[in-house]
Amino acid sequence: MLDTKARPYVKPILDKTADFFLKLGFSANQVTVSAFIVGVMAAILVGFGWMWTGVLVLWFSGFLDAVDGTMARKTKQSGFGTVMDVTFDRVVEAGIIIALAVRFPEQQLILLLLMASILFGITAFLTIGNVVQNKGVKSFHYATGLAERTEGFILLSLMILTAPIFLFWTTLLFFIIEIISTIQRLVEAYRQLDKEE
């Protein structure tokens, strides 16, 4: 939701940063890999208890993740770049959740449920992206919902910064929002596919 609504406001910053990296000779795929490495570093920092630093590094990873897409749209979009982007995003999220589960083992069940809801959500998201006709700027149909990448980062940040006291409740909130988002996407996909038939 925030990704879609905030795009006009953050687009100038993303464009300038993308142009900067392109002038330096970086490709979109190189920035995708950089975002992934930075995101894994964020998970390691959280695992060692450096919560605030981990959150800052996580958001820097997210920023690079937005820049790589802007770079791809300014140059030649790579199919494999899309594969890397979506895959690495999930690995970074999983890394943060695993780091929290290792650090706070008493909350492993709710964190496991969150991981399952993300698996459910990404399966629906990618399947919908494959079968619904793409009319947007992304490389495949991007099914919007209550929770997109920015909301995920906000919720992961809340989980990290409020742990251990409120970790259960912030994780439960993320779980509920993830389930609602997936149901929204499924309902919208049903409507769109029903019109196409």
C-alpha atoms as a PDB file:
ATOM      1  CA  MET A   1       0.000   0.000   0.000  1.00  0.00           C
ATOM      2  CA  LEU A   2       2.697   2.516   1.021  1.00  0.00           C
ATOM      3  CA  ASP A   3       4.944   1.455  -1.877  1.00  0.00           C
ATOM      4  CA  THR A   4       2.237   2.402  -4.362  1.00  0.00           C
ATOM      5  CA  LYS A   5       1.131   5.616  -2.625  1.00  0.00           C
ATOM      6  CA  ALA A   6       4.627   6.890  -1.771  1.00  0.00           C
ATOM      7  CA  ARG A   7       6.189   6.172  -5.178  1.00  0.00           C
ATOM      8  CA  PRO A   8       5.517   9.697  -6.612  1.00  0.00           C
ATOM      9  CA  TYR A   9       7.212  11.271  -3.573  1.00  0.00           C
ATOM     10  CA  VAL A  10      10.298   9.039  -3.426  1.00  0.00           C
ATOM     11  CA  LYS A  11      10.705   8.680  -7.205  1.00  0.00           C
ATOM     12  CA  PRO A  12      12.959  11.780  -7.547  1.00  0.00           C
ATOM     13  CA  ILE A  13      15.369  10.416  -4.905  1.00  0.00           C
ATOM     14  CA  LEU A  14      15.356   6.958  -6.495  1.00  0.00           C
ATOM     15  CA  ASP A  15      15.926   8.479  -9.948  1.00  0.00           C
ATOM     16  CA  LYS A  16      18.903  10.563  -8.771  1.00  0.00           C
ATOM     17  CA  THR A  17      20.468   7.629  -6.919  1.00  0.00           C
ATOM     18  CA  ALA A  18      19.895   5.326  -9.907  1.00  0.00           C
ATOM     19  CA  ASP A  19      21.510   7.862 -12.240  1.00  0.00           C
ATOM     20  CA  PHE A  20      24.460   8.160  -9.834  1.00  0.00           C
ATOM     21  CA  PHE A  21      25.052   4.385  -9.800  1.00  0.00           C
ATOM     22  CA  LEU A  22      24.629   4.156 -13.573  1.00  0.00           C
ATOM     23  CA  LYS A  23      27.227   6.916 -14.072  1.00  0.00           C
ATOM     24  CA  LEU A  24      29.612   4.923 -11.864  1.00  0.00           C
ATOM     25  CA  GLY A  25      29.098   1.948 -14.171  1.00  0.00           C
ATOM     26  CA  PHE A  26      27.002  -0.238 -11.871  1.00  0.00           C
ATOM     27  CA  SER A  27      24.286  -2.454 -13.310  1.00  0.00           C
ATOM     28  CA  ALA A  28      20.871  -2.982 -11.721  1.00  0.00           C
ATOM     29  CA  ASN A  29      21.823  -6.600 -10.975  1.00  0.00           C
ATOM     30  CA  GLN A  30      24.973  -5.493  -9.125  1.00  0.00           C
ATOM     31  CA  VAL A  31      22.876  -3.201  -6.930  1.00  0.00           C
ATOM     32  CA  THR A  32      20.416  -6.076  -6.346  1.00  0.00           C
ATOM     33  CA  VAL A  33      23.282  -8.237  -5.080  1.00  0.00           C
ATOM     34  CA  SER A  34      24.560  -5.338  -2.949  1.00  0.00           C
ATOM     35  CA  ALA A  35      21.094  -4.885  -1.406  1.00  0.00           C
ATOM     36  CA  PHE A  36      21.038  -8.603  -0.626  1.00  0.00           C
ATOM     37  CA  ILE A  37      24.469  -8.562   1.044  1.00  0.00           C
ATOM     38  CA  VAL A  38      23.526  -5.491   3.111  1.00  0.00           C
ATOM     39  CA  GLY A  39      20.232  -7.177   4.098  1.00  0.00           C
ATOM     40  CA  VAL A  40      22.064 -10.319   5.252  1.00  0.00           C
ATOM     41  CA  MET A  41      24.395  -8.086   7.285  1.00  0.00           C
ATOM     42  CA  ALA A  42      21.296  -6.578   8.936  1.00  0.00           C
ATOM     43  CA  ALA A  43      20.122 -10.056   9.958  1.00  0.00           C
ATOM     44  CA  ILE A  44      23.564 -10.879  11.393  1.00  0.00           C
ATOM     45  CA  LEU A  45      23.573  -7.623  13.374  1.00  0.00           C
ATOM     46  CA  VAL A  46      20.121  -8.427  14.798  1.00  0.00           C
ATOM     47  CA  GLY A  47      21.292 -11.942  15.650  1.00  0.00           C
ATOM     48  CA  PHE A  48      24.135 -10.460  17.704  1.00  0.00           C
ATOM     49  CA  GLY A  49      21.802  -8.009  19.445  1.00  0.00           C
ATOM     50  CA  TRP A  50      22.751  -4.819  17.590  1.00  0.00           C
ATOM     51  CA  MET A  51      19.080  -3.943  17.109  1.00  0.00           C
ATOM     52  CA  TRP A  52      19.174  -0.260  16.133  1.00  0.00           C
ATOM     53  CA  THR A  53      22.151  -0.762  13.822  1.00  0.00           C
ATOM     54  CA  GLY A  54      20.428  -3.794  12.316  1.00  0.00           C
ATOM     55  CA  VAL A  55      17.304  -1.758  11.568  1.00  0.00           C
ATOM     56  CA  LEU A  56      19.303   1.073   9.947  1.00  0.00           C
ATOM     57  CA  VAL A  57      21.220  -1.417   7.795  1.00  0.00           C
ATOM     58  CA  LEU A  58      17.940  -3.181   6.908  1.00  0.00           C
ATOM     59  CA  TRP A  59      16.423   0.098   5.659  1.00  0.00           C
ATOM     60  CA  PHE A  60      19.562   0.868   3.651  1.00  0.00           C
ATOM     61  CA  SER A  61      19.154  -2.570   2.049  1.00  0.00           C
ATOM     62  CA  GLY A  62      15.531  -1.698   1.251  1.00  0.00           C
ATOM     63  CA  PHE A  63      16.586   1.603  -0.289  1.00  0.00           C
ATOM     64  CA  LEU A  64      19.100  -0.162  -2.540  1.00  0.00           C
ATOM     65  CA  ASP A  65      16.382  -2.673  -3.405  1.00  0.00           C
ATOM     66  CA  ALA A  66      14.165   0.176  -4.642  1.00  0.00           C
ATOM     67  CA  VAL A  67      17.061   1.777  -6.551  1.00  0.00           C
ATOM     68  CA  ASP A  68      17.851  -1.407  -8.489  1.00  0.00           C
ATOM     69  CA  GLY A  69      14.335  -1.501  -9.941  1.00  0.00           C
ATOM     70  CA  THR A  70      14.620   2.145 -10.977  1.00  0.00           C
ATOM     71  CA  MET A  71      17.963   1.387 -12.643  1.00  0.00           C
ATOM     72  CA  ALA A  72      16.446  -1.586 -14.477  1.00  0.00           C
ATOM     73  CA  ARG A  73      13.630   0.565 -15.850  1.00  0.00           C
ATOM     74  CA  LYS A  74      16.162   3.177 -17.048  1.00  0.00           C
ATOM     75  CA  THR A  75      18.241   0.556 -18.852  1.00  0.00           C
ATOM     76  CA  LYS A  76      17.445  -2.933 -20.129  1.00  0.00           C
ATOM     77  CA  GLN A  77      15.304  -4.951 -17.712  1.00  0.00           C
ATOM     78  CA  SER A  78      16.743  -8.356 -16.936  1.00  0.00           C
ATOM     79  CA  GLY A  79      14.460 -11.336 -16.396  1.00  0.00           C
ATOM     80  CA  PHE A  80      17.046 -12.894 -14.122  1.00  0.00           C
ATOM     81  CA  GLY A  81      17.321  -9.585 -12.272  1.00  0.00           C
ATOM     82  CA  THR A  82      13.631  -9.888 -11.401  1.00  0.00           C
ATOM     83  CA  VAL A  83      14.208 -13.456 -10.184  1.00  0.00           C
ATOM     84  CA  MET A  84      17.136 -12.338  -8.015  1.00  0.00           C
ATOM     85  CA  ASP A  85      15.231  -9.340  -6.673  1.00  0.00           C
ATOM     86  CA  VAL A  86      12.160 -11.268  -5.508  1.00  0.00           C
ATOM     87  CA  THR A  87      14.234 -14.197  -4.187  1.00  0.00           C
ATOM     88  CA  PHE A  88      16.730 -12.040  -2.294  1.00  0.00           C
ATOM     89  CA  ASP A  89      13.921  -9.990  -0.735  1.00  0.00           C
ATOM     90  CA  ARG A  90      12.486 -13.145   0.832  1.00  0.00           C
ATOM     91  CA  VAL A  91      15.918 -14.348   1.993  1.00  0.00           C
ATOM     92  CA  VAL A  92      16.528 -11.031   3.783  1.00  0.00           C
ATOM     93  CA  GLU A  93      13.100 -11.209   5.488  1.00  0.00           C
ATOM     94  CA  ALA A  94      13.730 -14.834   6.454  1.00  0.00           C
ATOM     95  CA  GLY A  95      17.180 -13.885   7.751  1.00  0.00           C
ATOM     96  CA  ILE A  96      15.704 -11.285  10.105  1.00  0.00           C
ATOM     97  CA  ILE A  97      13.042 -13.712  11.340  1.00  0.00           C
ATOM     98  CA  ILE A  98      15.624 -16.474  11.876  1.00  0.00           C
ATOM     99  CA  ALA A  99      17.917 -14.037  13.724  1.00  0.00           C
ATOM    100  CA  LEU A 100      15.033 -13.120  16.054  1.00  0.00           C
ATOM    101  CA  ALA A 101      14.138 -16.804  16.541  1.00  0.00           C
ATOM    102  CA  VAL A 102      17.728 -17.641  17.487  1.00  0.00           C
ATOM    103  CA  ARG A 103      17.994 -14.650  19.826  1.00  0.00           C
ATOM    104  CA  PHE A 104      14.552 -15.164  21.420  1.00  0.00           C
ATOM    105  CA  PRO A 105      13.828 -18.920  21.256  1.00  0.00           C
ATOM    106  CA  GLU A 106      10.714 -18.558  23.431  1.00  0.00           C
ATOM    107  CA  GLN A 107       9.036 -16.794  20.469  1.00  0.00           C
ATOM    108  CA  GLN A 108       9.952 -19.374  17.824  1.00  0.00           C
ATOM    109  CA  LEU A 109       6.376 -20.631  17.313  1.00  0.00           C
ATOM    110  CA  ILE A 110       4.892 -17.233  16.422  1.00  0.00           C
ATOM    111  CA  LEU A 111       7.943 -16.451  14.257  1.00  0.00           C
ATOM    112  CA  LEU A 112       7.458 -19.783  12.478  1.00  0.00           C
ATOM    113  CA  LEU A 113       3.809 -18.897  11.854  1.00  0.00           C
ATOM    114  CA  LEU A 114       4.908 -15.556  10.401  1.00  0.00           C
ATOM    115  CA  MET A 115       7.362 -17.372   8.113  1.00  0.00           C
ATOM    116  CA  ALA A 116       4.534 -19.686   6.970  1.00  0.00           C
ATOM    117  CA  SER A 117       2.263 -16.686   6.257  1.00  0.00           C
ATOM    118  CA  ILE A 118       5.014 -15.077   4.157  1.00  0.00           C
ATOM    119  CA  LEU A 119       5.412 -18.359   2.254  1.00  0.00           C
ATOM    120  CA  PHE A 120       1.640 -18.423   1.657  1.00  0.00           C
ATOM    121  CA  GLY A 121       1.714 -14.761   0.609  1.00  0.00           C
ATOM    122  CA  ILE A 122       4.649 -14.985  -1.801  1.00  0.00           C
ATOM    123  CA  THR A 123       3.220 -18.119  -3.421  1.00  0.00           C
ATOM    124  CA  ALA A 124      -0.047 -16.306  -4.134  1.00  0.00           C
ATOM    125  CA  PHE A 125       1.782 -13.113  -5.186  1.00  0.00           C
ATOM    126  CA  LEU A 126       4.022 -14.873  -7.711  1.00  0.00           C
ATOM    127  CA  THR A 127       1.243 -17.063  -9.078  1.00  0.00           C
ATOM    128  CA  ILE A 128      -1.008 -14.032  -9.534  1.00  0.00           C
ATOM    129  CA  GLY A 129       1.878 -12.151 -11.167  1.00  0.00           C
ATOM    130  CA  ASN A 130       2.219 -14.995 -13.648  1.00  0.00           C
ATOM    131  CA  VAL A 131      -1.445 -15.399 -14.640  1.00  0.00           C
ATOM    132  CA  VAL A 132      -2.824 -11.835 -14.501  1.00  0.00           C
ATOM    133  CA  GLN A 133      -2.005  -9.552 -17.435  1.00  0.00           C
ATOM    134  CA  ASN A 134       0.660  -6.973 -16.542  1.00  0.00           C
ATOM    135  CA  LYS A 135      -0.393  -3.344 -17.061  1.00  0.00           C
ATOM    136  CA  GLY A 136       2.121  -1.653 -14.740  1.00  0.00           C
ATOM    137  CA  VAL A 137       5.754  -0.532 -14.801  1.00  0.00           C
ATOM    138  CA  LYS A 138       7.096  -3.653 -13.043  1.00  0.00           C
ATOM    139  CA  SER A 139       8.370  -6.652 -15.003  1.00  0.00           C
ATOM    140  CA  PHE A 140       5.302  -8.709 -14.022  1.00  0.00           C
ATOM    141  CA  HIS A 141       1.819  -7.994 -12.654  1.00  0.00           C
ATOM    142  CA  TYR A 142       2.335  -6.531  -9.180  1.00  0.00           C
ATOM    143  CA  ALA A 143      -0.632  -7.445  -6.992  1.00  0.00           C
ATOM    144  CA  THR A 144      -0.984  -4.722  -4.381  1.00  0.00           C
ATOM    145  CA  GLY A 145      -2.293  -5.341  -0.896  1.00  0.00           C
ATOM    146  CA  LEU A 146      -2.398  -4.000   2.629  1.00  0.00           C
ATOM    147  CA  ALA A 147       1.223  -5.053   3.187  1.00  0.00           C
ATOM    148  CA  GLU A 148       3.875  -4.382   0.560  1.00  0.00           C
ATOM    149  CA  ARG A 149       7.654  -4.100   0.978  1.00  0.00           C
ATOM    150  CA  THR A 150       7.594  -0.867   3.020  1.00  0.00           C
ATOM    151  CA  GLU A 151       4.964  -2.169   5.456  1.00  0.00           C
ATOM    152  CA  GLY A 152       7.040  -5.324   5.817  1.00  0.00           C
ATOM    153  CA  PHE A 153      10.093  -3.248   6.709  1.00  0.00           C
ATOM    154  CA  ILE A 154       8.089  -1.193   9.219  1.00  0.00           C
ATOM    155  CA  LEU A 155       6.752  -4.358  10.860  1.00  0.00           C
ATOM    156  CA  LEU A 156      10.161  -6.073  10.892  1.00  0.00           C
ATOM    157  CA  SER A 157      11.615  -2.912  12.449  1.00  0.00           C
ATOM    158  CA  LEU A 158       8.910  -2.931  15.144  1.00  0.00           C
ATOM    159  CA  MET A 159       9.621  -6.589  15.849  1.00  0.00           C
ATOM    160  CA  ILE A 160      13.347  -5.914  16.191  1.00  0.00           C
ATOM    161  CA  LEU A 161      13.105  -2.730  18.254  1.00  0.00           C
ATOM    162  CA  THR A 162      10.389  -3.916  20.646  1.00  0.00           C
ATOM    163  CA  ALA A 163      11.950  -7.343  21.299  1.00  0.00           C
ATOM    164  CA  PRO A 164      11.778  -9.153  23.602  1.00  0.00           C
ATOM    165  CA  ILE A 165       8.895  -7.458  25.458  1.00  0.00           C
ATOM    166  CA  PHE A 166       6.506  -6.943  22.537  1.00  0.00           C
ATOM    167  CA  LEU A 167       8.020  -9.373  20.017  1.00  0.00           C
ATOM    168  CA  PHE A 168       5.058 -11.766  20.251  1.00  0.00           C
ATOM    169  CA  TRP A 169       2.511  -9.007  19.614  1.00  0.00           C
ATOM    170  CA  THR A 170       4.383  -7.269  16.785  1.00  0.00           C
ATOM    171  CA  THR A 171       4.958 -10.636  15.098  1.00  0.00           C
ATOM    172  CA  LEU A 172       1.279 -11.520  15.527  1.00  0.00           C
ATOM    173  CA  LEU A 173       0.359  -8.158  13.968  1.00  0.00           C
ATOM    174  CA  PHE A 174       2.647  -8.861  10.990  1.00  0.00           C
ATOM    175  CA  PHE A 175       1.126 -12.365  10.658  1.00  0.00           C
ATOM    176  CA  ILE A 176      -2.443 -10.989  10.583  1.00  0.00           C
ATOM    177  CA  ILE A 177      -1.565  -8.227   8.094  1.00  0.00           C
ATOM    178  CA  GLU A 178       0.220 -10.754   5.864  1.00  0.00           C
ATOM    179  CA  ILE A 179      -2.820 -13.064   5.828  1.00  0.00           C
ATOM    180  CA  ILE A 180      -5.204 -10.148   5.103  1.00  0.00           C
ATOM    181  CA  SER A 181      -2.933  -8.941   2.272  1.00  0.00           C
ATOM    182  CA  THR A 182      -2.820 -12.377   0.691  1.00  0.00           C
ATOM    183  CA  ILE A 183      -6.600 -12.738   0.849  1.00  0.00           C
ATOM    184  CA  GLN A 184      -6.946  -9.244  -0.721  1.00  0.00           C
ATOM    185  CA  ARG A 185      -4.622 -10.253  -3.572  1.00  0.00           C
ATOM    186  CA  LEU A 186      -6.477 -13.519  -4.147  1.00  0.00           C
ATOM    187  CA  VAL A 187      -9.860 -11.776  -4.240  1.00  0.00           C
ATOM    188  CA  GLU A 188      -8.571  -9.097  -6.632  1.00  0.00           C
ATOM    189  CA  ALA A 189      -6.958 -11.729  -8.858  1.00  0.00           C
ATOM    190  CA  TYR A 190     -10.236 -13.670  -8.958  1.00  0.00           C
ATOM    191  CA  ARG A 191     -12.071 -10.502 -10.069  1.00  0.00           C
ATOM    192  CA  GLN A 192      -9.522  -9.655 -12.759  1.00  0.00           C
ATOM    193  CA  LEU A 193      -9.323 -13.196 -14.125  1.00  0.00           C
ATOM    194  CA  ASP A 194     -13.118 -13.446 -14.099  1.00  0.00           C
ATOM    195  CA  LYS A 195     -13.267 -10.330 -16.353  1.00  0.00           C
ATOM    196  CA  GLU A 196     -10.656 -11.739 -18.745  1.00  0.00           C
ATOM    197  CA  GLU A 197     -12.614 -14.995 -19.310  1.00  0.00           C
END
